[in-house]
N, C-alpha and C. Protein backbone atom coordinates (compact mmCIF):
# COMPACT_ATOMS: atom_id res chain seq x y z
N MET A 1 -3.37 21.31 -48.14
CA MET A 1 -2.63 20.72 -47.05
C MET A 1 -3.62 20.66 -45.65
N ASN A 2 -4.51 21.48 -45.61
CA ASN A 2 -5.26 21.30 -44.14
C ASN A 2 -6.50 20.10 -44.57
N ARG A 3 -6.67 19.73 -45.81
CA ARG A 3 -7.49 18.61 -46.06
C ARG A 3 -6.94 17.45 -45.57
N ARG A 4 -5.95 17.29 -45.71
CA ARG A 4 -5.06 16.07 -45.31
C ARG A 4 -5.11 15.53 -43.89
N ALA A 5 -4.78 16.55 -42.89
CA ALA A 5 -4.67 16.44 -41.80
C ALA A 5 -5.99 15.61 -40.85
N PRO A 6 -7.19 15.93 -41.28
CA PRO A 6 -8.07 15.04 -40.51
C PRO A 6 -7.72 13.20 -40.85
N GLY A 7 -7.49 13.13 -42.33
CA GLY A 7 -7.30 11.89 -42.66
C GLY A 7 -6.19 11.28 -41.85
N ARG A 8 -5.18 12.08 -41.79
CA ARG A 8 -3.94 11.43 -41.00
C ARG A 8 -3.84 11.52 -39.70
N ALA A 9 -4.97 12.15 -38.95
CA ALA A 9 -5.40 11.82 -37.42
C ALA A 9 -6.08 10.75 -37.53
N LEU A 10 -6.87 10.35 -38.28
CA LEU A 10 -7.95 9.24 -38.17
C LEU A 10 -6.79 7.79 -38.64
N LEU A 11 -6.04 7.98 -39.74
CA LEU A 11 -5.12 6.90 -40.00
C LEU A 11 -4.21 6.61 -38.47
N THR A 12 -3.73 7.41 -38.11
CA THR A 12 -2.87 7.40 -36.95
C THR A 12 -3.75 6.56 -35.53
N THR A 13 -4.72 7.06 -35.67
CA THR A 13 -5.89 6.27 -34.32
C THR A 13 -6.25 5.03 -34.90
N VAL A 14 -6.38 4.72 -35.97
CA VAL A 14 -6.59 3.38 -36.55
C VAL A 14 -5.32 2.51 -36.24
N LEU A 15 -4.15 2.94 -36.63
CA LEU A 15 -2.92 2.40 -36.39
C LEU A 15 -2.59 1.93 -35.09
N LEU A 16 -2.87 3.30 -34.36
CA LEU A 16 -2.49 2.76 -32.68
C LEU A 16 -3.59 1.98 -32.08
N ALA A 17 -4.77 2.09 -32.62
CA ALA A 17 -5.85 1.16 -31.98
C ALA A 17 -5.55 -0.33 -32.21
N SER A 18 -5.20 -0.64 -33.35
CA SER A 18 -5.07 -1.91 -33.88
C SER A 18 -3.88 -2.35 -33.57
N ALA A 19 -2.65 -1.94 -32.94
CA ALA A 19 -1.62 -2.33 -32.61
C ALA A 19 -1.64 -2.81 -30.88
N GLY A 20 -2.62 -2.20 -30.22
CA GLY A 20 -2.89 -2.84 -28.93
C GLY A 20 -1.92 -2.01 -27.92
N CYS A 21 -2.07 -2.49 -26.72
CA CYS A 21 -1.30 -1.92 -25.41
C CYS A 21 0.06 -2.68 -25.47
N ALA A 22 1.12 -2.04 -25.58
CA ALA A 22 2.57 -2.86 -25.65
C ALA A 22 2.90 -3.20 -24.16
N THR A 23 2.25 -2.86 -23.34
CA THR A 23 2.63 -2.98 -21.75
C THR A 23 2.19 -4.22 -21.21
N THR A 24 0.96 -4.95 -22.00
CA THR A 24 0.77 -6.10 -21.46
C THR A 24 1.11 -7.21 -22.50
N ALA A 25 1.17 -8.70 -21.96
CA ALA A 25 1.69 -9.80 -22.54
C ALA A 25 0.27 -10.02 -23.01
N PRO A 26 0.33 -10.98 -24.21
CA PRO A 26 -0.79 -11.43 -25.19
C PRO A 26 -1.45 -12.49 -24.37
N PHE A 27 -0.83 -12.92 -23.53
CA PHE A 27 -1.27 -14.19 -23.05
C PHE A 27 -1.04 -14.19 -21.21
N ILE A 28 -1.70 -14.32 -20.39
CA ILE A 28 -1.34 -14.10 -19.00
C ILE A 28 -1.58 -15.29 -18.61
N GLU A 29 -0.27 -15.98 -17.93
CA GLU A 29 -0.35 -17.15 -17.27
C GLU A 29 -1.18 -17.46 -15.88
N PRO A 30 -1.93 -18.32 -15.63
CA PRO A 30 -2.72 -18.40 -14.52
C PRO A 30 -1.86 -18.54 -13.26
N ILE A 31 -2.59 -18.06 -12.19
CA ILE A 31 -1.31 -18.12 -11.01
C ILE A 31 -0.78 -19.50 -10.61
N GLY A 32 -1.47 -20.57 -10.57
CA GLY A 32 -0.87 -21.77 -10.27
C GLY A 32 -0.09 -22.49 -11.04
N ALA A 33 0.08 -21.95 -12.19
CA ALA A 33 0.86 -22.60 -13.23
C ALA A 33 2.42 -22.47 -13.30
N GLY A 34 3.08 -23.23 -12.35
CA GLY A 34 4.69 -23.10 -12.37
C GLY A 34 4.96 -21.91 -11.68
N SER A 35 4.49 -21.28 -10.98
CA SER A 35 4.96 -20.07 -10.01
C SER A 35 5.65 -20.62 -8.53
N GLY A 36 6.91 -20.64 -8.57
CA GLY A 36 7.70 -20.70 -7.31
C GLY A 36 7.78 -19.97 -6.38
N PHE A 37 8.75 -20.12 -5.59
CA PHE A 37 9.14 -19.61 -4.54
C PHE A 37 9.80 -17.90 -5.15
N SER A 38 9.49 -16.82 -4.54
CA SER A 38 10.12 -15.67 -5.17
C SER A 38 10.09 -14.77 -3.79
N TYR A 39 11.16 -14.05 -3.78
CA TYR A 39 11.46 -13.21 -2.54
C TYR A 39 11.80 -11.79 -2.76
N SER A 40 10.69 -10.76 -2.14
CA SER A 40 11.07 -9.43 -2.60
C SER A 40 10.69 -8.63 -1.29
N THR A 41 11.59 -7.44 -0.98
CA THR A 41 11.36 -6.63 -0.04
C THR A 41 10.75 -7.26 1.40
N GLY A 42 11.58 -8.15 1.63
CA GLY A 42 11.48 -8.92 2.99
C GLY A 42 10.19 -9.92 3.03
N ARG A 43 9.71 -10.03 1.91
CA ARG A 43 8.66 -11.25 1.96
C ARG A 43 8.55 -12.24 0.92
N GLY A 44 8.52 -13.52 1.52
CA GLY A 44 8.67 -14.68 0.44
C GLY A 44 7.20 -15.25 0.09
N VAL A 45 6.90 -15.41 -1.41
CA VAL A 45 5.65 -15.88 -1.72
C VAL A 45 5.77 -17.19 -2.69
N GLU A 46 4.73 -18.01 -2.40
CA GLU A 46 4.80 -19.29 -3.17
C GLU A 46 3.25 -19.75 -3.45
N ASP A 47 3.00 -19.96 -4.62
CA ASP A 47 1.44 -20.60 -4.91
C ASP A 47 1.60 -21.84 -4.75
N PHE A 48 0.49 -22.40 -4.39
CA PHE A 48 0.21 -23.88 -3.91
C PHE A 48 -1.21 -24.07 -4.80
N PRO A 49 -1.23 -25.36 -5.73
CA PRO A 49 -2.58 -25.55 -6.16
C PRO A 49 -3.47 -26.33 -5.21
N SER A 50 -3.85 -25.64 -4.50
CA SER A 50 -4.54 -26.48 -3.63
C SER A 50 -5.52 -25.59 -2.92
N THR A 51 -6.65 -25.75 -1.98
CA THR A 51 -7.69 -24.61 -1.55
C THR A 51 -7.07 -24.32 -0.15
N LEU A 52 -7.65 -23.22 0.31
CA LEU A 52 -7.61 -22.68 1.59
C LEU A 52 -7.52 -23.78 2.86
N SER A 53 -8.59 -24.72 2.46
CA SER A 53 -8.75 -25.78 3.43
C SER A 53 -7.61 -26.73 3.47
N VAL A 54 -7.10 -27.14 2.52
CA VAL A 54 -5.90 -27.72 2.68
C VAL A 54 -4.46 -27.25 2.96
N VAL A 55 -4.10 -25.68 2.43
CA VAL A 55 -2.97 -25.12 2.61
C VAL A 55 -3.17 -24.45 3.89
N GLY A 56 -4.10 -24.06 4.46
CA GLY A 56 -4.25 -23.58 5.91
C GLY A 56 -3.63 -24.58 7.01
N PRO A 57 -4.15 -25.78 7.19
CA PRO A 57 -3.61 -26.46 8.21
C PRO A 57 -2.29 -26.71 7.96
N ALA A 58 -1.71 -27.00 6.68
CA ALA A 58 -0.26 -27.23 6.20
C ALA A 58 0.63 -26.15 6.79
N VAL A 59 0.06 -24.80 6.79
CA VAL A 59 0.75 -23.63 7.21
C VAL A 59 1.16 -23.63 8.71
N LEU A 60 0.07 -24.04 9.35
CA LEU A 60 0.00 -24.17 11.01
C LEU A 60 0.82 -25.64 11.21
N ALA A 61 0.91 -26.46 10.46
CA ALA A 61 1.87 -27.64 11.00
C ALA A 61 3.24 -27.39 10.48
N ALA A 62 3.49 -26.71 9.37
CA ALA A 62 5.09 -26.13 8.88
C ALA A 62 5.35 -25.10 10.08
N MET A 63 4.64 -24.26 10.48
CA MET A 63 5.16 -23.49 11.74
C MET A 63 5.18 -24.05 13.02
N GLU A 64 4.55 -25.48 13.25
CA GLU A 64 4.85 -26.31 14.38
C GLU A 64 6.43 -26.86 13.99
N ASP A 65 6.51 -27.25 12.89
CA ASP A 65 7.75 -28.10 12.62
C ASP A 65 9.15 -27.12 12.85
N LEU A 66 8.96 -25.91 12.55
CA LEU A 66 10.22 -24.82 12.53
C LEU A 66 9.97 -24.33 13.94
N LYS A 67 9.11 -24.84 15.02
CA LYS A 67 9.42 -24.30 16.53
C LYS A 67 9.03 -22.84 16.30
N MET A 68 7.78 -22.57 15.69
CA MET A 68 7.28 -21.09 16.02
C MET A 68 6.12 -21.33 17.18
N ASP A 69 5.90 -20.37 17.85
CA ASP A 69 4.85 -20.30 18.96
C ASP A 69 4.16 -19.24 19.02
N GLN A 70 3.14 -19.32 19.69
CA GLN A 70 2.34 -18.14 19.89
C GLN A 70 1.50 -18.01 18.56
N VAL A 71 0.99 -18.82 18.00
CA VAL A 71 0.23 -18.97 16.90
C VAL A 71 -1.29 -18.09 17.00
N ARG A 72 -1.44 -17.06 16.07
CA ARG A 72 -3.11 -16.79 16.25
C ARG A 72 -3.39 -16.74 14.57
N GLN A 73 -4.53 -17.09 14.42
CA GLN A 73 -4.96 -17.22 12.92
C GLN A 73 -6.32 -16.03 12.97
N THR A 74 -6.50 -15.29 12.11
CA THR A 74 -7.66 -14.40 11.81
C THR A 74 -7.65 -14.47 10.29
N ARG A 75 -9.30 -13.82 9.92
CA ARG A 75 -9.73 -14.13 8.64
C ARG A 75 -10.26 -12.66 8.69
N ASP A 76 -10.03 -12.28 7.36
CA ASP A 76 -10.34 -10.76 6.86
C ASP A 76 -10.94 -11.03 5.58
N GLY A 77 -12.11 -11.20 5.67
CA GLY A 77 -12.91 -11.72 4.18
C GLY A 77 -12.32 -12.74 3.48
N ALA A 78 -11.63 -12.69 2.23
CA ALA A 78 -11.29 -13.95 1.64
C ALA A 78 -9.58 -14.21 1.99
N VAL A 79 -9.12 -13.14 2.97
CA VAL A 79 -7.63 -13.60 3.19
C VAL A 79 -7.45 -14.17 4.84
N ILE A 80 -6.84 -15.03 4.85
CA ILE A 80 -6.26 -15.52 6.46
C ILE A 80 -4.87 -15.29 6.69
N ARG A 81 -4.74 -14.58 7.87
CA ARG A 81 -3.57 -14.21 8.23
C ARG A 81 -3.14 -14.87 9.34
N VAL A 82 -2.09 -15.31 9.50
CA VAL A 82 -1.64 -16.46 10.75
C VAL A 82 -0.37 -15.56 11.14
N GLU A 83 -0.34 -15.25 12.66
CA GLU A 83 0.77 -14.40 13.01
C GLU A 83 1.20 -15.39 14.12
N ALA A 84 2.64 -15.40 14.35
CA ALA A 84 3.48 -16.38 15.31
C ALA A 84 4.51 -15.68 15.76
N ARG A 85 5.49 -16.08 16.50
CA ARG A 85 6.96 -15.91 16.60
C ARG A 85 7.79 -16.76 16.59
N THR A 86 9.14 -16.66 16.27
CA THR A 86 10.16 -17.42 15.90
C THR A 86 10.67 -17.64 17.20
N SER A 87 11.50 -18.78 17.28
CA SER A 87 12.30 -19.37 18.73
C SER A 87 13.05 -18.48 19.16
N ASP A 88 13.42 -17.19 18.59
CA ASP A 88 14.27 -15.82 19.27
C ASP A 88 13.35 -14.87 19.05
N ALA A 89 12.32 -15.08 18.93
CA ALA A 89 11.06 -14.02 19.40
C ALA A 89 10.89 -12.94 18.20
N ARG A 90 11.25 -13.08 17.09
CA ARG A 90 10.92 -12.19 15.83
C ARG A 90 9.44 -12.48 15.48
N PRO A 91 8.50 -11.57 15.04
CA PRO A 91 7.40 -11.55 14.40
C PRO A 91 7.34 -12.50 13.24
N VAL A 92 6.37 -13.30 13.13
CA VAL A 92 6.30 -13.83 11.72
C VAL A 92 4.73 -13.58 11.16
N ALA A 93 4.57 -13.06 10.03
CA ALA A 93 2.97 -12.91 9.48
C ALA A 93 2.89 -13.64 8.00
N VAL A 94 2.13 -14.59 8.07
CA VAL A 94 1.54 -15.34 6.75
C VAL A 94 0.36 -15.20 6.39
N THR A 95 0.38 -14.77 5.39
CA THR A 95 -0.90 -14.44 4.84
C THR A 95 -1.45 -15.38 3.58
N LEU A 96 -2.57 -15.68 3.27
CA LEU A 96 -3.20 -16.63 2.70
C LEU A 96 -4.24 -16.13 1.75
N ARG A 97 -4.14 -16.29 0.44
CA ARG A 97 -5.41 -15.74 -0.55
C ARG A 97 -5.43 -16.84 -1.65
N PHE A 98 -6.84 -16.94 -1.80
CA PHE A 98 -7.34 -18.05 -2.54
C PHE A 98 -7.55 -17.21 -4.08
N ARG A 99 -6.96 -17.64 -5.25
CA ARG A 99 -7.35 -16.77 -6.45
C ARG A 99 -7.10 -17.66 -7.54
N GLN A 100 -7.87 -17.81 -8.58
CA GLN A 100 -7.87 -18.63 -9.90
C GLN A 100 -7.51 -20.13 -9.65
N GLY A 101 -8.02 -20.79 -8.42
CA GLY A 101 -8.05 -22.06 -8.35
C GLY A 101 -6.40 -22.62 -7.65
N ALA A 102 -5.77 -21.55 -6.99
CA ALA A 102 -4.60 -21.65 -6.31
C ALA A 102 -4.57 -20.72 -5.09
N THR A 103 -3.65 -21.28 -4.05
CA THR A 103 -3.49 -20.71 -2.68
C THR A 103 -1.87 -19.71 -2.75
N GLN A 104 -2.19 -18.43 -2.67
CA GLN A 104 -0.94 -17.85 -2.70
C GLN A 104 -0.59 -17.68 -1.37
N VAL A 105 0.56 -18.05 -0.84
CA VAL A 105 1.16 -17.91 0.42
C VAL A 105 2.19 -16.66 0.68
N GLY A 106 1.95 -15.93 1.41
CA GLY A 106 2.96 -15.11 1.66
C GLY A 106 3.67 -14.89 3.12
N ALA A 107 4.83 -14.89 3.15
CA ALA A 107 5.65 -14.94 4.88
C ALA A 107 6.53 -14.11 4.75
N ARG A 108 6.36 -13.01 6.04
CA ARG A 108 7.50 -12.30 6.43
C ARG A 108 7.94 -12.41 7.66
N ILE A 109 9.02 -12.92 8.00
CA ILE A 109 9.56 -13.23 9.15
C ILE A 109 10.58 -12.20 9.56
N GLY A 110 10.13 -11.51 10.90
CA GLY A 110 11.07 -10.40 11.27
C GLY A 110 10.43 -9.22 10.96
N ARG A 111 11.05 -7.99 11.36
CA ARG A 111 10.48 -6.79 10.73
C ARG A 111 11.03 -6.45 9.30
N PHE A 112 12.07 -6.94 8.71
CA PHE A 112 12.88 -6.38 7.66
C PHE A 112 12.79 -7.63 6.68
N GLY A 113 12.37 -9.22 7.23
CA GLY A 113 12.60 -10.08 6.34
C GLY A 113 14.03 -11.13 6.61
N ASP A 114 13.50 -12.24 6.35
CA ASP A 114 14.56 -13.07 6.51
C ASP A 114 14.23 -14.32 5.10
N GLU A 115 15.04 -14.01 4.28
CA GLU A 115 14.89 -14.92 3.02
C GLU A 115 15.11 -16.65 3.35
N PRO A 116 16.12 -16.93 4.04
CA PRO A 116 16.42 -18.44 4.46
C PRO A 116 15.28 -18.95 5.03
N LEU A 117 14.60 -18.07 6.30
CA LEU A 117 13.65 -18.86 6.89
C LEU A 117 12.23 -18.94 6.29
N SER A 118 12.24 -17.88 5.38
CA SER A 118 10.89 -17.70 4.50
C SER A 118 10.90 -19.09 3.58
N ARG A 119 12.13 -19.11 2.88
CA ARG A 119 12.06 -20.28 2.00
C ARG A 119 11.91 -21.63 2.43
N THR A 120 12.46 -21.82 3.82
CA THR A 120 12.32 -22.95 4.62
C THR A 120 10.85 -23.12 4.87
N LEU A 121 10.26 -22.13 5.52
CA LEU A 121 8.56 -22.19 5.90
C LEU A 121 7.90 -22.62 4.92
N LEU A 122 7.92 -22.01 3.64
CA LEU A 122 7.21 -22.46 2.37
C LEU A 122 7.69 -23.77 1.59
N GLU A 123 8.91 -24.34 2.12
CA GLU A 123 9.07 -25.58 1.36
C GLU A 123 8.39 -26.63 2.22
N ARG A 124 8.22 -26.08 3.77
CA ARG A 124 7.57 -27.11 4.59
C ARG A 124 6.29 -27.13 4.25
N VAL A 125 5.72 -26.08 3.78
CA VAL A 125 4.15 -26.02 3.72
C VAL A 125 4.21 -26.84 2.29
N GLY A 126 4.90 -26.86 1.36
CA GLY A 126 5.03 -27.62 -0.04
C GLY A 126 5.19 -29.13 0.54
N VAL A 127 5.86 -29.37 1.43
CA VAL A 127 5.84 -30.84 1.80
C VAL A 127 4.57 -31.37 2.72
N ARG A 128 4.06 -30.28 3.29
CA ARG A 128 2.59 -30.79 3.92
C ARG A 128 1.58 -30.90 2.96
N VAL A 129 1.44 -29.98 2.00
CA VAL A 129 0.43 -30.23 1.05
C VAL A 129 0.84 -31.11 -0.02
N GLY A 130 2.10 -31.56 -0.27
CA GLY A 130 2.21 -32.48 -1.18
C GLY A 130 2.68 -32.44 -2.38
N THR A 131 3.02 -31.02 -2.53
CA THR A 131 3.79 -30.44 -3.73
C THR A 131 5.33 -30.68 -4.13
N ARG A 132 5.99 -30.95 -2.62
CA ARG A 132 7.24 -31.29 -2.81
C ARG A 132 7.41 -32.73 -2.18
N ASP A 133 8.92 -33.24 -2.62
CA ASP A 133 9.20 -34.61 -1.96
C ASP A 133 9.21 -34.28 -0.38
N PRO A 134 9.03 -35.27 0.46
CA PRO A 134 9.28 -35.32 1.96
C PRO A 134 10.67 -35.29 2.25
N GLU A 135 11.01 -34.25 3.16
CA GLU A 135 12.15 -34.19 3.74
C GLU A 135 12.29 -33.87 5.28
N ALA A 136 13.29 -34.19 5.74
CA ALA A 136 13.72 -34.02 7.01
C ALA A 136 13.28 -32.70 7.75
N ILE A 137 12.67 -32.80 9.09
CA ILE A 137 12.41 -31.18 9.54
C ILE A 137 13.78 -30.88 10.10
N PRO A 138 14.38 -29.67 9.92
CA PRO A 138 15.83 -29.32 10.04
C PRO A 138 15.55 -28.79 11.76
N ASP A 139 16.89 -29.32 12.55
CA ASP A 139 16.83 -29.04 13.89
C ASP A 139 17.17 -27.58 14.18
N ALA A 140 17.75 -27.14 13.42
CA ALA A 140 17.61 -25.59 13.53
C ALA A 140 17.78 -24.82 12.25
N PRO A 141 16.47 -24.11 12.23
CA PRO A 141 16.15 -23.72 10.80
C PRO A 141 16.89 -22.74 10.30
N PRO A 142 17.37 -22.51 9.13
CA PRO A 142 18.38 -21.71 8.88
C PRO A 142 17.86 -20.17 8.95
N SER A 143 18.59 -19.24 9.33
CA SER A 143 18.11 -17.55 9.40
C SER A 143 19.41 -16.90 9.14
N ALA A 144 19.01 -16.01 8.51
CA ALA A 144 19.89 -14.57 8.30
C ALA A 144 18.82 -13.55 8.17
N PRO A 145 18.44 -12.95 9.50
CA PRO A 145 17.71 -11.86 9.50
C PRO A 145 18.34 -10.55 8.53
N SER A 146 17.51 -9.89 7.94
CA SER A 146 17.85 -8.39 7.23
C SER A 146 18.16 -7.33 8.21
N GLY A 147 19.16 -6.73 7.88
CA GLY A 147 19.28 -5.55 8.65
C GLY A 147 18.39 -4.47 8.41
N ASN A 148 18.41 -3.42 9.42
CA ASN A 148 17.42 -2.31 9.27
C ASN A 148 18.00 -1.78 8.18
N PRO A 149 17.23 -1.39 6.95
CA PRO A 149 17.57 -0.42 6.06
C PRO A 149 17.47 0.93 6.46
N TYR A 150 17.20 1.51 7.54
CA TYR A 150 17.07 3.08 7.72
C TYR A 150 18.03 3.19 8.84
N PHE A 151 18.36 2.50 10.00
CA PHE A 151 19.43 2.78 10.99
C PHE A 151 20.21 1.83 11.00
N SER A 152 21.37 1.94 10.49
CA SER A 152 22.23 0.93 10.32
C SER A 152 23.10 0.82 11.89
N ARG A 153 23.54 -0.29 12.24
CA ARG A 153 24.28 -0.61 13.53
C ARG A 153 25.51 -0.02 13.43
N SER A 154 25.97 -0.01 12.35
CA SER A 154 27.26 0.53 12.16
C SER A 154 27.74 2.19 11.69
N ALA A 155 26.32 2.73 12.01
CA ALA A 155 26.47 4.21 11.83
C ALA A 155 26.99 4.84 12.97
N ILE A 156 27.46 6.30 12.57
CA ILE A 156 28.03 6.95 13.63
C ILE A 156 26.93 7.43 14.72
N PRO A 157 27.37 7.04 15.92
CA PRO A 157 26.29 7.26 17.04
C PRO A 157 26.26 8.83 17.50
N ASP A 158 25.10 9.29 17.92
CA ASP A 158 24.82 10.53 18.18
C ASP A 158 25.85 11.33 18.68
N SER A 159 26.37 10.78 19.74
CA SER A 159 27.28 11.33 20.82
C SER A 159 28.59 11.74 19.92
N VAL A 160 29.03 11.14 18.92
CA VAL A 160 30.12 11.56 18.07
C VAL A 160 29.72 12.41 17.13
N MET A 161 28.35 12.24 16.59
CA MET A 161 27.82 13.12 15.33
C MET A 161 27.58 14.39 15.85
N LEU A 162 27.05 14.69 17.02
CA LEU A 162 26.82 15.98 17.59
C LEU A 162 27.78 16.64 18.54
N ARG A 163 29.07 15.94 18.65
CA ARG A 163 30.26 16.39 19.50
C ARG A 163 30.32 17.87 19.31
N ASP A 164 30.75 18.27 17.94
CA ASP A 164 30.99 19.46 18.07
C ASP A 164 29.85 20.59 18.46
N PHE A 165 28.68 20.34 17.83
CA PHE A 165 27.56 21.15 18.28
C PHE A 165 27.37 21.35 19.70
N ALA A 166 27.49 20.31 20.47
CA ALA A 166 27.55 20.39 22.14
C ALA A 166 28.74 21.17 22.45
N ASP A 167 29.72 21.15 21.88
CA ASP A 167 31.27 21.61 22.56
C ASP A 167 31.23 23.16 21.78
N ALA A 168 30.25 23.67 21.26
CA ALA A 168 30.52 24.96 20.40
C ALA A 168 30.63 25.95 21.66
N PRO A 169 31.11 27.19 21.56
CA PRO A 169 31.41 27.98 22.53
C PRO A 169 30.26 28.89 22.78
N TYR A 170 29.29 29.01 21.77
CA TYR A 170 28.01 29.80 21.64
C TYR A 170 26.94 29.03 22.24
N HIS A 171 27.15 27.99 22.79
CA HIS A 171 26.02 27.36 23.23
C HIS A 171 25.24 27.60 24.49
N ASP A 172 26.23 28.69 25.28
CA ASP A 172 25.43 29.03 26.43
C ASP A 172 25.20 30.67 26.31
N ARG A 173 25.62 31.32 25.20
CA ARG A 173 25.45 32.82 25.09
C ARG A 173 24.25 32.87 24.48
N VAL A 174 23.74 34.13 25.03
CA VAL A 174 22.62 34.71 24.09
C VAL A 174 23.04 35.46 23.07
N VAL A 175 22.64 35.14 21.83
CA VAL A 175 23.07 35.96 20.64
C VAL A 175 22.12 37.23 20.18
N PRO A 176 22.72 38.34 20.31
CA PRO A 176 22.28 39.72 20.27
C PRO A 176 21.61 39.84 18.78
């Protein structure tokens, strides 16, 4: 019986090695092929089949279209970062990365995200780059800022939450 154990181990190893990894797809699609707008964790992302020299000025023009001001552009290696402020003084952070023949543009508006305004910004970039049909610039861009996921405005205030602690009879006493 022990003579069969090494043979079974070898057969199991060969079968597992020939099957490949089940966690990856057999074909990975390039970035620029058919990837549209996606939104996750407060950040909107879209890929444009153009170079940074085309998409960078389009982002700046789209921000101007949506009345964003205090625009600053920095470069960190292969990543271009554009920071601005919305008309209601929320921070805007846009990152541009060039990979595999396409430029990936990610936009976070506000501290916790704003999906409608992120979508509108990336649609304006698409109009400026030429991947979307021309459309009118909105007078008032759509906006629905996400709430703070950590501290809710509808939470019980500390004055109510800690009232019993503050009114406790042992508050001023020294406990032996």
